[in-house]
N, C-alpha and C. Protein backbone atom coordinates (compact mmCIF):
# COMPACT_ATOMS: atom_id res chain seq x y z
N MET A 1 20.29 25.54 -81.96
CA MET A 1 19.40 26.61 -82.33
C MET A 1 18.48 26.92 -81.15
N LEU A 2 18.34 28.16 -80.82
CA LEU A 2 17.47 28.56 -79.73
C LEU A 2 16.03 28.66 -80.23
N HIS A 3 15.11 28.15 -79.42
CA HIS A 3 13.70 28.21 -79.76
C HIS A 3 12.99 29.16 -78.81
N VAL A 4 12.04 29.88 -79.34
CA VAL A 4 11.24 30.82 -78.55
C VAL A 4 10.08 30.05 -77.95
N ASP A 5 9.80 30.30 -76.68
CA ASP A 5 8.63 29.73 -76.03
C ASP A 5 7.39 30.28 -76.73
N PRO A 6 6.47 29.42 -77.18
CA PRO A 6 5.28 29.90 -77.89
C PRO A 6 4.46 30.93 -77.11
N ARG A 7 4.57 30.92 -75.80
CA ARG A 7 3.85 31.92 -75.00
C ARG A 7 4.41 33.32 -75.20
N MET A 8 5.58 33.44 -75.82
CA MET A 8 6.23 34.73 -76.01
C MET A 8 5.95 35.36 -77.38
N ILE A 9 5.09 34.74 -78.18
CA ILE A 9 4.78 35.29 -79.51
C ILE A 9 4.20 36.69 -79.40
N THR A 10 3.36 36.92 -78.40
CA THR A 10 2.80 38.27 -78.25
C THR A 10 3.89 39.29 -77.94
N ARG A 11 4.93 38.86 -77.21
CA ARG A 11 6.05 39.77 -76.92
C ARG A 11 6.81 40.08 -78.21
N LEU A 12 6.96 39.10 -79.08
CA LEU A 12 7.61 39.35 -80.37
C LEU A 12 6.80 40.35 -81.19
N ASP A 13 5.48 40.26 -81.10
CA ASP A 13 4.62 41.24 -81.80
C ASP A 13 4.86 42.64 -81.25
N GLU A 14 4.99 42.75 -79.93
CA GLU A 14 5.26 44.05 -79.31
C GLU A 14 6.61 44.60 -79.76
N LEU A 15 7.61 43.72 -79.82
CA LEU A 15 8.94 44.15 -80.26
C LEU A 15 8.90 44.62 -81.71
N GLU A 16 8.13 43.93 -82.54
CA GLU A 16 8.02 44.35 -83.94
C GLU A 16 7.40 45.74 -84.03
N ASP A 17 6.34 45.98 -83.26
CA ASP A 17 5.71 47.30 -83.27
C ASP A 17 6.71 48.38 -82.87
N ASP A 18 7.50 48.11 -81.84
CA ASP A 18 8.50 49.07 -81.38
C ASP A 18 9.55 49.33 -82.46
N LEU A 19 10.00 48.27 -83.09
CA LEU A 19 11.00 48.42 -84.15
C LEU A 19 10.45 49.23 -85.33
N LEU A 20 9.19 49.02 -85.66
CA LEU A 20 8.59 49.78 -86.75
C LEU A 20 8.51 51.27 -86.40
N GLN A 21 8.22 51.58 -85.14
CA GLN A 21 8.22 52.98 -84.71
C GLN A 21 9.63 53.57 -84.78
N ARG A 22 10.61 52.79 -84.34
CA ARG A 22 12.00 53.26 -84.41
C ARG A 22 12.44 53.47 -85.85
N ARG A 23 11.99 52.56 -86.73
CA ARG A 23 12.35 52.68 -88.14
C ARG A 23 11.76 53.96 -88.73
N GLN A 24 10.51 54.27 -88.36
CA GLN A 24 9.88 55.49 -88.85
C GLN A 24 10.66 56.72 -88.39
N ARG A 25 11.08 56.72 -87.13
CA ARG A 25 11.85 57.86 -86.63
C ARG A 25 13.19 57.97 -87.35
N ALA A 26 13.84 56.81 -87.56
CA ALA A 26 15.12 56.83 -88.25
C ALA A 26 14.96 57.35 -89.68
N LYS A 27 13.85 56.99 -90.30
CA LYS A 27 13.59 57.48 -91.67
C LYS A 27 13.40 58.99 -91.66
N GLU A 28 12.63 59.49 -90.67
CA GLU A 28 12.41 60.94 -90.57
C GLU A 28 13.70 61.70 -90.30
N GLU A 29 14.60 61.10 -89.54
CA GLU A 29 15.87 61.75 -89.19
C GLU A 29 16.95 61.54 -90.25
N GLY A 30 16.69 60.63 -91.20
CA GLY A 30 17.67 60.36 -92.25
C GLY A 30 18.83 59.49 -91.81
N TRP A 31 18.57 58.59 -90.86
CA TRP A 31 19.62 57.71 -90.33
C TRP A 31 19.64 56.41 -91.14
N ALA A 32 20.31 56.41 -92.26
CA ALA A 32 20.30 55.26 -93.18
C ALA A 32 20.88 54.00 -92.53
N GLY A 33 21.96 54.13 -91.79
CA GLY A 33 22.56 52.97 -91.14
C GLY A 33 21.64 52.35 -90.10
N GLU A 34 20.93 53.20 -89.39
CA GLU A 34 19.99 52.72 -88.38
C GLU A 34 18.84 51.97 -89.04
N ILE A 35 18.37 52.49 -90.16
CA ILE A 35 17.28 51.83 -90.89
C ILE A 35 17.71 50.44 -91.34
N GLU A 36 18.94 50.35 -91.84
CA GLU A 36 19.44 49.05 -92.30
C GLU A 36 19.51 48.05 -91.15
N GLY A 37 19.98 48.48 -90.00
CA GLY A 37 20.06 47.60 -88.84
C GLY A 37 18.69 47.17 -88.35
N ILE A 38 17.76 48.09 -88.33
CA ILE A 38 16.39 47.76 -87.91
C ILE A 38 15.75 46.80 -88.89
N ASP A 39 15.99 47.00 -90.18
CA ASP A 39 15.42 46.09 -91.18
C ASP A 39 15.96 44.67 -91.00
N MET A 40 17.24 44.54 -90.71
CA MET A 40 17.80 43.21 -90.46
C MET A 40 17.18 42.58 -89.22
N THR A 41 17.05 43.36 -88.16
CA THR A 41 16.46 42.86 -86.93
C THR A 41 15.01 42.44 -87.16
N LEU A 42 14.26 43.23 -87.92
CA LEU A 42 12.88 42.87 -88.24
C LEU A 42 12.81 41.55 -89.02
N THR A 43 13.74 41.37 -89.94
CA THR A 43 13.77 40.13 -90.72
C THR A 43 14.00 38.93 -89.80
N PHE A 44 14.97 39.03 -88.90
CA PHE A 44 15.26 37.93 -87.98
C PHE A 44 14.09 37.69 -87.02
N LEU A 45 13.50 38.75 -86.51
CA LEU A 45 12.38 38.62 -85.58
C LEU A 45 11.20 37.93 -86.25
N ARG A 46 10.88 38.35 -87.46
CA ARG A 46 9.74 37.74 -88.17
C ARG A 46 9.99 36.28 -88.50
N ALA A 47 11.22 35.96 -88.86
CA ALA A 47 11.55 34.56 -89.15
C ALA A 47 11.43 33.71 -87.89
N LYS A 48 11.90 34.22 -86.76
CA LYS A 48 11.83 33.49 -85.50
C LYS A 48 10.37 33.30 -85.08
N ARG A 49 9.57 34.34 -85.24
CA ARG A 49 8.14 34.24 -84.88
C ARG A 49 7.43 33.23 -85.77
N ASP A 50 7.71 33.26 -87.08
CA ASP A 50 7.08 32.31 -88.00
C ASP A 50 7.50 30.88 -87.68
N ASP A 51 8.77 30.69 -87.36
CA ASP A 51 9.27 29.37 -87.00
C ASP A 51 8.58 28.86 -85.73
N THR A 52 8.39 29.75 -84.77
CA THR A 52 7.73 29.36 -83.51
C THR A 52 6.29 28.97 -83.78
N ARG A 53 5.61 29.69 -84.61
CA ARG A 53 4.21 29.34 -84.95
C ARG A 53 4.14 28.00 -85.66
N ARG A 54 5.09 27.71 -86.54
CA ARG A 54 5.12 26.42 -87.23
C ARG A 54 5.38 25.28 -86.25
N ARG A 55 6.31 25.50 -85.31
CA ARG A 55 6.63 24.45 -84.33
C ARG A 55 5.44 24.10 -83.46
N VAL A 56 4.61 25.10 -83.14
CA VAL A 56 3.44 24.87 -82.30
C VAL A 56 2.45 23.95 -83.01
N GLN A 57 2.37 24.05 -84.32
CA GLN A 57 1.41 23.27 -85.09
C GLN A 57 1.88 21.85 -85.38
N ARG A 58 3.16 21.60 -85.23
CA ARG A 58 3.68 20.25 -85.49
C ARG A 58 3.31 19.32 -84.34
N PRO A 59 2.98 18.07 -84.66
CA PRO A 59 2.68 17.12 -83.58
C PRO A 59 3.95 16.73 -82.83
N THR A 60 3.79 16.38 -81.58
CA THR A 60 4.91 15.93 -80.76
C THR A 60 5.19 14.46 -81.07
N VAL A 61 6.44 14.12 -81.17
CA VAL A 61 6.85 12.74 -81.44
C VAL A 61 7.45 12.17 -80.17
N THR A 62 6.91 11.04 -79.74
CA THR A 62 7.45 10.38 -78.56
C THR A 62 8.48 9.35 -79.01
N LEU A 63 9.69 9.51 -78.54
CA LEU A 63 10.76 8.61 -78.93
C LEU A 63 10.91 7.46 -77.95
N GLY A 64 10.31 7.57 -76.79
CA GLY A 64 10.41 6.52 -75.78
C GLY A 64 11.76 6.57 -75.08
N LEU A 65 11.89 5.73 -74.09
CA LEU A 65 13.14 5.66 -73.34
C LEU A 65 13.98 4.51 -73.87
N PRO A 66 15.25 4.72 -73.99
CA PRO A 66 16.09 3.61 -74.47
C PRO A 66 16.15 2.53 -73.39
N GLY A 67 16.15 1.30 -73.82
CA GLY A 67 16.23 0.18 -72.88
C GLY A 67 17.62 -0.44 -72.90
N ALA A 68 17.89 -1.25 -71.89
CA ALA A 68 19.17 -1.95 -71.83
C ALA A 68 19.15 -3.06 -72.89
N PRO A 69 20.27 -3.32 -73.53
CA PRO A 69 20.30 -4.38 -74.54
C PRO A 69 20.00 -5.73 -73.90
N ARG A 70 19.25 -6.55 -74.61
CA ARG A 70 18.92 -7.87 -74.08
C ARG A 70 20.09 -8.81 -74.31
N ARG A 71 20.32 -9.62 -73.33
CA ARG A 71 21.40 -10.62 -73.46
C ARG A 71 20.83 -11.88 -74.08
N ARG A 72 21.63 -12.49 -74.92
CA ARG A 72 21.22 -13.75 -75.52
C ARG A 72 21.50 -14.88 -74.55
N ALA A 73 20.63 -15.85 -74.57
CA ALA A 73 20.85 -17.02 -73.71
C ALA A 73 22.03 -17.83 -74.25
N ARG A 74 22.89 -18.28 -73.34
CA ARG A 74 24.04 -19.09 -73.77
C ARG A 74 23.61 -20.52 -74.01
N LYS A 75 24.19 -21.11 -75.00
CA LYS A 75 23.86 -22.52 -75.35
C LYS A 75 24.87 -23.45 -74.79
């Protein structure tokens, strides 16, 4: 799954504004297929933006580096 860099959230906001303007024009022109495509794109964009905002709020988990297995002493 591709993740959006949190610094790009403002760009996603700009894209949403542009899509809303395009949707308005498509509605005025009666382009039903275009409206449907824009609505799908808006849905995906909003989901991706919401996911990115949630990821930013989650704490980072340090897993550490894997170590070499320890050898048992021979008896």
